[in-house]
């Protein structure tokens, strides 16, 4: 796959489709982009180009720790620069879970580079913030304190980053442990601040200021609650909500974990909804 040097970091990417408006999609958590290839092909078949990339600290891209902003702000700025290098701006930006957070931060920080948003499994709420802050940041702070950067290299996530890009081992081992802890602690604190916000990473004012059209597909688990999707749709002015793509569940009967099989089977419906939305929004 091709790669670009984005703000000093090697970013692995792929473009699906040969012509048409540009769409950038990003998966959840820190997973590599491969899980979105089939969905991207289905959307691209309707006349679009889909940009997929591994964010820094994900997949086959470089590990790199930048404390100048929250992790999602860093990712959003990286995507904007990658889009600029590829001549892909303005973009429709979308994603699932952490990818949706990236898209929303992109909308807030780079409104001139945005044509629309495709969001699914939007994250919000105290339980989501507490659990994810530990998974993304807290566990790695504990690891480095117990065993230094070699322990980080041996972790499930970063060992996969090393497998995908072997030079990441040297980059990790060369990282100062105290600086690593400082940045992870900062990212964790920024994430925890989102507990009282409508969705992770954005205030009501932020969401009301988004002018680009947005298509939102609700989740059905305690991390990606339907209530969070309803809040986002109510606050983003030019948005539409779909809450029946996966099984509808009451707010007090949500899944403990998202059902990957259910979402995988829903991909044809996602592609249909997103493609119809883009047509209605005159993004063709």
C-alpha atoms as a PDB file:
ATOM      1  CA  UNK A   1       0.000   0.000   0.000  1.00  0.00           C
ATOM      2  CA  UNK A   2       1.154   3.583  -0.594  1.00  0.00           C
ATOM      3  CA  UNK A   3       2.184   5.818   2.256  1.00  0.00           C
ATOM      4  CA  UNK A   4       2.678   9.538   2.808  1.00  0.00           C
ATOM      5  CA  UNK A   5       4.767  11.530   5.255  1.00  0.00           C
ATOM      6  CA  UNK A   6       2.197  13.556   7.153  1.00  0.00           C
ATOM      7  CA  UNK A   7       3.526  16.081   9.659  1.00  0.00           C
ATOM      8  CA  UNK A   8       6.666  13.990   9.996  1.00  0.00           C
ATOM      9  CA  UNK A   9       4.847  10.668  10.406  1.00  0.00           C
ATOM     10  CA  UNK A  10       4.613   7.848   7.839  1.00  0.00           C
ATOM     11  CA  UNK A  11       0.909   7.174   7.202  1.00  0.00           C
ATOM     12  CA  UNK A  12      -0.231   4.037   5.406  1.00  0.00           C
ATOM     13  CA  UNK A  13      -3.257   4.590   3.146  1.00  0.00           C
ATOM     14  CA  UNK A  14      -5.352   3.165   0.325  1.00  0.00           C
ATOM     15  CA  UNK A  15      -7.720   4.725  -2.198  1.00  0.00           C
ATOM     16  CA  UNK A  16     -10.741   2.739  -3.347  1.00  0.00           C
ATOM     17  CA  UNK A  17     -12.440   4.011  -6.509  1.00  0.00           C
ATOM     18  CA  UNK A  18     -11.026   5.908  -9.471  1.00  0.00           C
ATOM     19  CA  UNK A  19     -13.167   9.028  -9.743  1.00  0.00           C
ATOM     20  CA  UNK A  20     -15.825  11.104  -8.077  1.00  0.00           C
ATOM     21  CA  UNK A  21     -16.050  13.039  -4.793  1.00  0.00           C
ATOM     22  CA  UNK A  22     -13.699  12.028  -2.007  1.00  0.00           C
ATOM     23  CA  UNK A  23     -14.804  10.267   1.180  1.00  0.00           C
ATOM     24  CA  UNK A  24     -12.492   9.408   4.092  1.00  0.00           C
ATOM     25  CA  UNK A  25     -13.612   6.618   6.429  1.00  0.00           C
ATOM     26  CA  UNK A  26     -11.946   5.538   9.683  1.00  0.00           C
ATOM     27  CA  UNK A  27     -12.633   2.501  11.902  1.00  0.00           C
ATOM     28  CA  UNK A  28     -13.137   2.468  15.644  1.00  0.00           C
ATOM     29  CA  UNK A  29     -10.663   2.119  18.509  1.00  0.00           C
ATOM     30  CA  UNK A  30      -7.078   2.039  17.164  1.00  0.00           C
ATOM     31  CA  UNK A  31      -7.849  -0.709  14.665  1.00  0.00           C
ATOM     32  CA  UNK A  32      -6.276  -0.706  11.171  1.00  0.00           C
ATOM     33  CA  UNK A  33      -8.431   0.338   8.252  1.00  0.00           C
ATOM     34  CA  UNK A  34      -8.798  -3.133   6.695  1.00  0.00           C
ATOM     35  CA  UNK A  35     -12.220  -3.781   8.232  1.00  0.00           C
ATOM     36  CA  UNK A  36     -13.685  -0.958   6.132  1.00  0.00           C
ATOM     37  CA  UNK A  37     -12.497  -2.156   2.720  1.00  0.00           C
ATOM     38  CA  UNK A  38     -15.694  -4.021   1.781  1.00  0.00           C
ATOM     39  CA  UNK A  39     -17.958  -1.168   2.902  1.00  0.00           C
ATOM     40  CA  UNK A  40     -15.759   1.302   1.028  1.00  0.00           C
ATOM     41  CA  UNK A  41     -15.978  -0.756  -2.160  1.00  0.00           C
ATOM     42  CA  UNK A  42     -19.771  -0.779  -1.912  1.00  0.00           C
ATOM     43  CA  UNK A  43     -19.872   3.015  -1.522  1.00  0.00           C
ATOM     44  CA  UNK A  44     -17.237   3.634  -4.199  1.00  0.00           C
ATOM     45  CA  UNK A  45     -19.319   1.614  -6.682  1.00  0.00           C
ATOM     46  CA  UNK A  46     -21.814   4.491  -6.633  1.00  0.00           C
ATOM     47  CA  UNK A  47     -19.269   6.943  -8.043  1.00  0.00           C
ATOM     48  CA  UNK A  48     -17.004   7.941  -5.155  1.00  0.00           C
ATOM     49  CA  UNK A  49     -13.361   7.675  -4.139  1.00  0.00           C
ATOM     50  CA  UNK A  50     -12.841   6.404  -0.608  1.00  0.00           C
ATOM     51  CA  UNK A  51      -9.653   7.221   1.272  1.00  0.00           C
ATOM     52  CA  UNK A  52      -8.716   4.748   3.998  1.00  0.00           C
ATOM     53  CA  UNK A  53      -5.700   5.229   6.220  1.00  0.00           C
ATOM     54  CA  UNK A  54      -4.057   3.866   9.336  1.00  0.00           C
ATOM     55  CA  UNK A  55      -3.887   6.681  11.863  1.00  0.00           C
ATOM     56  CA  UNK A  56      -0.601   7.238  13.708  1.00  0.00           C
ATOM     57  CA  UNK A  57      -0.251   4.547  16.388  1.00  0.00           C
ATOM     58  CA  UNK A  58      -2.520   2.271  14.365  1.00  0.00           C
ATOM     59  CA  UNK A  59      -1.938  -0.493  11.833  1.00  0.00           C
ATOM     60  CA  UNK A  60       1.047  -0.082   9.524  1.00  0.00           C
ATOM     61  CA  UNK A  61       1.633   3.626  10.188  1.00  0.00           C
ATOM     62  CA  UNK A  62       4.325   5.050  12.465  1.00  0.00           C
ATOM     63  CA  UNK A  63       3.939   5.171  16.206  1.00  0.00           C
ATOM     64  CA  UNK A  64       4.318   8.808  17.221  1.00  0.00           C
ATOM     65  CA  UNK A  65       3.185  10.600  20.369  1.00  0.00           C
ATOM     66  CA  UNK A  66       2.231  14.263  20.057  1.00  0.00           C
ATOM     67  CA  UNK A  67       0.982  16.086  23.126  1.00  0.00           C
ATOM     68  CA  UNK A  68      -0.027  19.290  21.346  1.00  0.00           C
ATOM     69  CA  UNK A  69      -3.698  18.252  21.396  1.00  0.00           C
ATOM     70  CA  UNK A  70      -5.988  15.377  22.225  1.00  0.00           C
ATOM     71  CA  UNK A  71      -5.373  12.152  20.325  1.00  0.00           C
ATOM     72  CA  UNK A  72      -8.466  12.758  18.191  1.00  0.00           C
ATOM     73  CA  UNK A  73      -7.407  16.322  17.401  1.00  0.00           C
ATOM     74  CA  UNK A  74      -4.020  15.009  16.243  1.00  0.00           C
ATOM     75  CA  UNK A  75      -5.746  12.402  14.074  1.00  0.00           C
ATOM     76  CA  UNK A  76      -8.100  15.001  12.582  1.00  0.00           C
ATOM     77  CA  UNK A  77      -5.210  17.299  11.695  1.00  0.00           C
ATOM     78  CA  UNK A  78      -3.294  14.383  10.156  1.00  0.00           C
ATOM     79  CA  UNK A  79      -6.257  13.477   7.954  1.00  0.00           C
ATOM     80  CA  UNK A  80      -6.639  17.072   6.813  1.00  0.00           C
ATOM     81  CA  UNK A  81      -2.974  17.211   5.819  1.00  0.00           C
ATOM     82  CA  UNK A  82      -3.194  13.824   4.063  1.00  0.00           C
ATOM     83  CA  UNK A  83      -6.251  15.016   2.161  1.00  0.00           C
ATOM     84  CA  UNK A  84      -4.390  18.161   1.153  1.00  0.00           C
ATOM     85  CA  UNK A  85      -1.410  16.158  -0.118  1.00  0.00           C
ATOM     86  CA  UNK A  86      -3.691  13.928  -2.198  1.00  0.00           C
ATOM     87  CA  UNK A  87      -5.721  16.804  -3.610  1.00  0.00           C
ATOM     88  CA  UNK A  88      -8.791  15.298  -1.964  1.00  0.00           C
ATOM     89  CA  UNK A  89     -10.154  18.344  -0.124  1.00  0.00           C
ATOM     90  CA  UNK A  90     -12.921  19.057   0.589  1.00  0.00           C
ATOM     91  CA  UNK A  91     -13.773  15.622   1.956  1.00  0.00           C
ATOM     92  CA  UNK A  92     -16.794  13.792   3.195  1.00  0.00           C
ATOM     93  CA  UNK A  93     -15.424  12.447   6.486  1.00  0.00           C
ATOM     94  CA  UNK A  94     -16.879   9.542   8.377  1.00  0.00           C
ATOM     95  CA  UNK A  95     -16.240   6.640  10.631  1.00  0.00           C
ATOM     96  CA  UNK A  96     -17.315   4.317  13.375  1.00  0.00           C
ATOM     97  CA  UNK A  97     -16.830   5.028  17.103  1.00  0.00           C
ATOM     98  CA  UNK A  98     -13.317   6.551  17.339  1.00  0.00           C
ATOM     99  CA  UNK A  99     -13.562   7.173  13.594  1.00  0.00           C
ATOM    100  CA  UNK A 100     -16.755   9.143  14.184  1.00  0.00           C
ATOM    101  CA  UNK A 101     -14.947  11.184  16.847  1.00  0.00           C
ATOM    102  CA  UNK A 102     -12.180  11.903  14.348  1.00  0.00           C
ATOM    103  CA  UNK A 103     -14.796  13.032  11.810  1.00  0.00           C
ATOM    104  CA  UNK A 104     -16.463  15.369  14.294  1.00  0.00           C
ATOM    105  CA  UNK A 105     -13.110  16.894  15.326  1.00  0.00           C
ATOM    106  CA  UNK A 106     -12.291  17.303  11.620  1.00  0.00           C
ATOM    107  CA  UNK A 107     -15.584  19.186  11.178  1.00  0.00           C
ATOM    108  CA  UNK A 108     -14.818  21.452  14.133  1.00  0.00           C
ATOM    109  CA  UNK A 109     -11.162  22.131  13.277  1.00  0.00           C
ATOM    110  CA  UNK A 110     -11.286  22.117   9.465  1.00  0.00           C
ATOM    111  CA  UNK A 111     -14.769  23.210   8.343  1.00  0.00           C
ATOM    112  CA  UNK A 112     -13.402  24.506   5.042  1.00  0.00           C
ATOM    113  CA  UNK A 113     -12.141  21.030   4.194  1.00  0.00           C
ATOM    114  CA  UNK A 114     -15.465  19.309   4.877  1.00  0.00           C
ATOM    115  CA  UNK A 115     -18.354  18.409   2.544  1.00  0.00           C
ATOM    116  CA  UNK A 116     -20.324  16.104   4.816  1.00  0.00           C
ATOM    117  CA  UNK A 117     -20.180  13.461   7.550  1.00  0.00           C
ATOM    118  CA  UNK A 118     -21.051   9.758   7.694  1.00  0.00           C
ATOM    119  CA  UNK A 119     -21.176   8.696  11.346  1.00  0.00           C
ATOM    120  CA  UNK A 120     -22.051   5.393  12.952  1.00  0.00           C
ATOM    121  CA  UNK A 121     -21.751   4.041  16.495  1.00  0.00           C
ATOM    122  CA  UNK A 122     -21.281   7.520  18.020  1.00  0.00           C
ATOM    123  CA  UNK A 123     -19.774   7.460  21.536  1.00  0.00           C
ATOM    124  CA  UNK A 124     -20.939   9.269  24.649  1.00  0.00           C
ATOM    125  CA  UNK A 125     -21.778   9.009  28.342  1.00  0.00           C
ATOM    126  CA  UNK A 126     -19.958   8.465  31.612  1.00  0.00           C
ATOM    127  CA  UNK A 127     -19.606   4.694  31.305  1.00  0.00           C
ATOM    128  CA  UNK A 128     -18.202   4.941  27.800  1.00  0.00           C
ATOM    129  CA  UNK A 129     -15.695   7.612  28.782  1.00  0.00           C
ATOM    130  CA  UNK A 130     -14.499   5.754  31.884  1.00  0.00           C
ATOM    131  CA  UNK A 131     -14.054   2.424  30.094  1.00  0.00           C
ATOM    132  CA  UNK A 132     -12.409   3.822  26.984  1.00  0.00           C
ATOM    133  CA  UNK A 133     -10.065   6.161  28.869  1.00  0.00           C
ATOM    134  CA  UNK A 134      -8.639   3.131  30.659  1.00  0.00           C
ATOM    135  CA  UNK A 135      -8.440   1.038  27.491  1.00  0.00           C
ATOM    136  CA  UNK A 136      -6.781   3.727  25.366  1.00  0.00           C
ATOM    137  CA  UNK A 137      -4.558   5.386  27.948  1.00  0.00           C
ATOM    138  CA  UNK A 138      -4.688   4.097  31.513  1.00  0.00           C
ATOM    139  CA  UNK A 139      -3.487   0.596  30.734  1.00  0.00           C
ATOM    140  CA  UNK A 140      -0.424   1.891  28.884  1.00  0.00           C
ATOM    141  CA  UNK A 141       0.504   4.275  31.696  1.00  0.00           C
ATOM    142  CA  UNK A 142       0.456   1.282  34.060  1.00  0.00           C
ATOM    143  CA  UNK A 143       2.478  -0.832  31.647  1.00  0.00           C
ATOM    144  CA  UNK A 144       5.284   1.664  31.193  1.00  0.00           C
ATOM    145  CA  UNK A 145       5.493   2.306  34.924  1.00  0.00           C
ATOM    146  CA  UNK A 146       5.797  -1.428  35.570  1.00  0.00           C
ATOM    147  CA  UNK A 147       8.095  -2.455  32.736  1.00  0.00           C
ATOM    148  CA  UNK A 148       9.205   0.559  30.721  1.00  0.00           C
ATOM    149  CA  UNK A 149       8.831   0.826  26.967  1.00  0.00           C
ATOM    150  CA  UNK A 150       9.624  -2.899  26.422  1.00  0.00           C
ATOM    151  CA  UNK A 151       6.346  -3.643  28.234  1.00  0.00           C
ATOM    152  CA  UNK A 152       4.517  -1.298  25.851  1.00  0.00           C
ATOM    153  CA  UNK A 153       6.121  -3.110  22.895  1.00  0.00           C
ATOM    154  CA  UNK A 154       4.824  -6.406  24.288  1.00  0.00           C
ATOM    155  CA  UNK A 155       1.241  -5.158  24.706  1.00  0.00           C
ATOM    156  CA  UNK A 156      -1.424  -6.577  22.424  1.00  0.00           C
ATOM    157  CA  UNK A 157      -1.983  -3.350  20.521  1.00  0.00           C
ATOM    158  CA  UNK A 158       1.573  -2.145  20.038  1.00  0.00           C
ATOM    159  CA  UNK A 159       2.883  -5.625  19.259  1.00  0.00           C
ATOM    160  CA  UNK A 160       0.445  -5.586  16.328  1.00  0.00           C
ATOM    161  CA  UNK A 161       1.798  -2.177  15.273  1.00  0.00           C
ATOM    162  CA  UNK A 162       5.303  -3.664  15.335  1.00  0.00           C
ATOM    163  CA  UNK A 163       4.172  -6.689  13.335  1.00  0.00           C
ATOM    164  CA  UNK A 164       2.631  -4.433  10.702  1.00  0.00           C
ATOM    165  CA  UNK A 165       5.637  -2.057  10.664  1.00  0.00           C
ATOM    166  CA  UNK A 166       8.761  -3.602  12.277  1.00  0.00           C
ATOM    167  CA  UNK A 167      10.606  -0.296  12.668  1.00  0.00           C
ATOM    168  CA  UNK A 168       7.946   0.708  15.192  1.00  0.00           C
ATOM    169  CA  UNK A 169       9.804  -1.361  17.792  1.00  0.00           C
ATOM    170  CA  UNK A 170      12.846   0.936  17.589  1.00  0.00           C
ATOM    171  CA  UNK A 171      10.591   3.998  17.641  1.00  0.00           C
ATOM    172  CA  UNK A 172       8.871   2.788  20.786  1.00  0.00           C
ATOM    173  CA  UNK A 173      12.089   1.806  22.544  1.00  0.00           C
ATOM    174  CA  UNK A 174      13.561   5.219  21.725  1.00  0.00           C
ATOM    175  CA  UNK A 175      10.579   6.980  23.331  1.00  0.00           C
ATOM    176  CA  UNK A 176      11.327   8.508  26.722  1.00  0.00           C
ATOM    177  CA  UNK A 177       9.082   6.711  29.257  1.00  0.00           C
ATOM    178  CA  UNK A 178       8.349   9.880  31.221  1.00  0.00           C
ATOM    179  CA  UNK A 179       7.351  11.733  28.059  1.00  0.00           C
ATOM    180  CA  UNK A 180       5.157   8.783  27.058  1.00  0.00           C
ATOM    181  CA  UNK A 181       3.438   8.883  30.459  1.00  0.00           C
ATOM    182  CA  UNK A 182       3.010  12.652  30.207  1.00  0.00           C
ATOM    183  CA  UNK A 183       1.311  12.463  26.808  1.00  0.00           C
ATOM    184  CA  UNK A 184      -0.863   9.462  27.676  1.00  0.00           C
ATOM    185  CA  UNK A 185      -1.934  11.205  30.887  1.00  0.00           C
ATOM    186  CA  UNK A 186      -2.813  14.369  28.955  1.00  0.00           C
ATOM    187  CA  UNK A 187      -4.786  12.414  26.348  1.00  0.00           C
ATOM    188  CA  UNK A 188      -6.572  10.536  29.136  1.00  0.00           C
ATOM    189  CA  UNK A 189      -7.529  13.744  30.933  1.00  0.00           C
ATOM    190  CA  UNK A 190      -8.844  15.304  27.730  1.00  0.00           C
ATOM    191  CA  UNK A 191     -10.907  12.196  27.089  1.00  0.00           C
ATOM    192  CA  UNK A 192     -12.341  12.122  30.617  1.00  0.00           C
ATOM    193  CA  UNK A 193     -13.429  15.740  30.268  1.00  0.00           C
ATOM    194  CA  UNK A 194     -15.964  14.549  27.690  1.00  0.00           C
ATOM    195  CA  UNK A 195     -18.113  12.649  30.195  1.00  0.00           C
ATOM    196  CA  UNK A 196     -20.622  15.487  30.508  1.00  0.00           C
ATOM    197  CA  UNK A 197     -20.608  16.457  26.823  1.00  0.00           C
ATOM    198  CA  UNK A 198     -23.309  15.386  24.355  1.00  0.00           C
ATOM    199  CA  UNK A 199     -20.764  13.200  22.574  1.00  0.00           C
ATOM    200  CA  UNK A 200     -17.102  12.549  23.269  1.00  0.00           C
ATOM    201  CA  UNK A 201     -14.949  15.451  22.083  1.00  0.00           C
ATOM    202  CA  UNK A 202     -17.599  18.039  21.216  1.00  0.00           C
ATOM    203  CA  UNK A 203     -19.735  20.551  23.085  1.00  0.00           C
ATOM    204  CA  UNK A 204     -23.272  21.609  22.175  1.00  0.00           C
ATOM    205  CA  UNK A 205     -21.837  24.814  20.727  1.00  0.00           C
ATOM    206  CA  UNK A 206     -19.381  22.821  18.606  1.00  0.00           C
ATOM    207  CA  UNK A 207     -22.098  20.584  17.208  1.00  0.00           C
ATOM    208  CA  UNK A 208     -24.560  23.403  16.504  1.00  0.00           C
ATOM    209  CA  UNK A 209     -21.859  25.214  14.503  1.00  0.00           C
ATOM    210  CA  UNK A 210     -21.360  22.341  12.030  1.00  0.00           C
ATOM    211  CA  UNK A 211     -22.817  23.419   8.705  1.00  0.00           C
ATOM    212  CA  UNK A 212     -22.063  20.357   6.587  1.00  0.00           C
ATOM    213  CA  UNK A 213     -24.780  17.703   6.204  1.00  0.00           C
ATOM    214  CA  UNK A 214     -24.456  14.639   8.431  1.00  0.00           C
ATOM    215  CA  UNK A 215     -25.864  11.128   8.312  1.00  0.00           C
ATOM    216  CA  UNK A 216     -25.890   9.396  11.712  1.00  0.00           C
ATOM    217  CA  UNK A 217     -26.537   5.699  12.329  1.00  0.00           C
ATOM    218  CA  UNK A 218     -27.260   4.798  15.951  1.00  0.00           C
ATOM    219  CA  UNK A 219     -25.547   2.066  17.922  1.00  0.00           C
ATOM    220  CA  UNK A 220     -27.232  -0.256  20.414  1.00  0.00           C
ATOM    221  CA  UNK A 221     -24.649  -0.885  23.153  1.00  0.00           C
ATOM    222  CA  UNK A 222     -23.609   0.913  26.327  1.00  0.00           C
ATOM    223  CA  UNK A 223     -20.594   2.568  24.685  1.00  0.00           C
ATOM    224  CA  UNK A 224     -22.422   3.644  21.517  1.00  0.00           C
ATOM    225  CA  UNK A 225     -25.845   4.426  22.920  1.00  0.00           C
ATOM    226  CA  UNK A 226     -28.871   5.359  20.821  1.00  0.00           C
ATOM    227  CA  UNK A 227     -29.337   8.328  23.174  1.00  0.00           C
ATOM    228  CA  UNK A 228     -25.943   9.687  22.097  1.00  0.00           C
ATOM    229  CA  UNK A 229     -26.911   9.389  18.440  1.00  0.00           C
ATOM    230  CA  UNK A 230     -30.195  11.192  19.152  1.00  0.00           C
ATOM    231  CA  UNK A 231     -28.319  14.022  20.891  1.00  0.00           C
ATOM    232  CA  UNK A 232     -25.913  14.398  17.972  1.00  0.00           C
ATOM    233  CA  UNK A 233     -28.747  14.445  15.441  1.00  0.00           C
ATOM    234  CA  UNK A 234     -30.675  17.005  17.493  1.00  0.00           C
ATOM    235  CA  UNK A 235     -27.670  19.345  17.730  1.00  0.00           C
ATOM    236  CA  UNK A 236     -26.082  19.113  14.262  1.00  0.00           C
ATOM    237  CA  UNK A 237     -28.387  21.355  12.196  1.00  0.00           C
ATOM    238  CA  UNK A 238     -28.321  19.581   8.833  1.00  0.00           C
ATOM    239  CA  UNK A 239     -28.421  15.970   9.984  1.00  0.00           C
ATOM    240  CA  UNK A 240     -30.514  12.847   9.669  1.00  0.00           C
ATOM    241  CA  UNK A 241     -30.726   9.897  12.052  1.00  0.00           C
ATOM    242  CA  UNK A 242     -31.201   6.215  11.291  1.00  0.00           C
ATOM    243  CA  UNK A 243     -31.880   4.136  14.406  1.00  0.00           C
ATOM    244  CA  UNK A 244     -33.002   0.862  12.845  1.00  0.00           C
ATOM    245  CA  UNK A 245     -29.902  -0.391  11.029  1.00  0.00           C
ATOM    246  CA  UNK A 246     -29.047  -2.804  13.830  1.00  0.00           C
ATOM    247  CA  UNK A 247     -31.529  -4.229  16.325  1.00  0.00           C
ATOM    248  CA  UNK A 248     -33.295  -1.444  18.205  1.00  0.00           C
ATOM    249  CA  UNK A 249     -32.902  -1.778  21.944  1.00  0.00           C
ATOM    250  CA  UNK A 250     -34.337   0.203  24.848  1.00  0.00           C
ATOM    251  CA  UNK A 251     -31.978   2.578  26.640  1.00  0.00           C
ATOM    252  CA  UNK A 252     -32.073   0.328  29.724  1.00  0.00           C
ATOM    253  CA  UNK A 253     -31.456  -2.874  27.757  1.00  0.00           C
ATOM    254  CA  UNK A 254     -28.358  -2.125  25.693  1.00  0.00           C
ATOM    255  CA  UNK A 255     -25.683  -4.637  24.754  1.00  0.00           C
ATOM    256  CA  UNK A 256     -22.613  -4.710  27.020  1.00  0.00           C
ATOM    257  CA  UNK A 257     -20.358  -4.856  23.946  1.00  0.00           C
ATOM    258  CA  UNK A 258     -21.030  -3.989  20.322  1.00  0.00           C
ATOM    259  CA  UNK A 259     -21.888  -6.992  18.165  1.00  0.00           C
ATOM    260  CA  UNK A 260     -19.311  -7.105  15.358  1.00  0.00           C
ATOM    261  CA  UNK A 261     -21.214  -9.775  13.439  1.00  0.00           C
ATOM    262  CA  UNK A 262     -24.397  -7.704  13.541  1.00  0.00           C
ATOM    263  CA  UNK A 263     -22.602  -4.658  12.172  1.00  0.00           C
ATOM    264  CA  UNK A 264     -20.760  -6.676   9.567  1.00  0.00           C
ATOM    265  CA  UNK A 265     -24.055  -8.074   8.300  1.00  0.00           C
ATOM    266  CA  UNK A 266     -25.498  -4.544   8.249  1.00  0.00           C
ATOM    267  CA  UNK A 267     -22.810  -3.191   5.889  1.00  0.00           C
ATOM    268  CA  UNK A 268     -24.941  -3.466   2.716  1.00  0.00           C
ATOM    269  CA  UNK A 269     -27.598  -1.383   4.475  1.00  0.00           C
ATOM    270  CA  UNK A 270     -24.972   1.140   5.622  1.00  0.00           C
ATOM    271  CA  UNK A 271     -23.701   1.495   2.063  1.00  0.00           C
ATOM    272  CA  UNK A 272     -27.249   1.973   0.791  1.00  0.00           C
ATOM    273  CA  UNK A 273     -28.112   4.598   3.418  1.00  0.00           C
ATOM    274  CA  UNK A 274     -24.869   6.527   2.995  1.00  0.00           C
ATOM    275  CA  UNK A 275     -25.043   6.493  -0.809  1.00  0.00           C
ATOM    276  CA  UNK A 276     -28.657   7.709  -0.793  1.00  0.00           C
ATOM    277  CA  UNK A 277     -27.752  10.426   1.719  1.00  0.00           C
ATOM    278  CA  UNK A 278     -24.839  11.631  -0.419  1.00  0.00           C
ATOM    279  CA  UNK A 279     -27.145  11.806  -3.449  1.00  0.00           C
ATOM    280  CA  UNK A 280     -29.755  13.821  -1.520  1.00  0.00           C
ATOM    281  CA  UNK A 281     -26.999  16.133  -0.270  1.00  0.00           C
ATOM    282  CA  UNK A 282     -25.906  16.654  -3.896  1.00  0.00           C
ATOM    283  CA  UNK A 283     -22.434  15.246  -3.198  1.00  0.00           C
ATOM    284  CA  UNK A 284     -21.930  13.618  -6.585  1.00  0.00           C
END
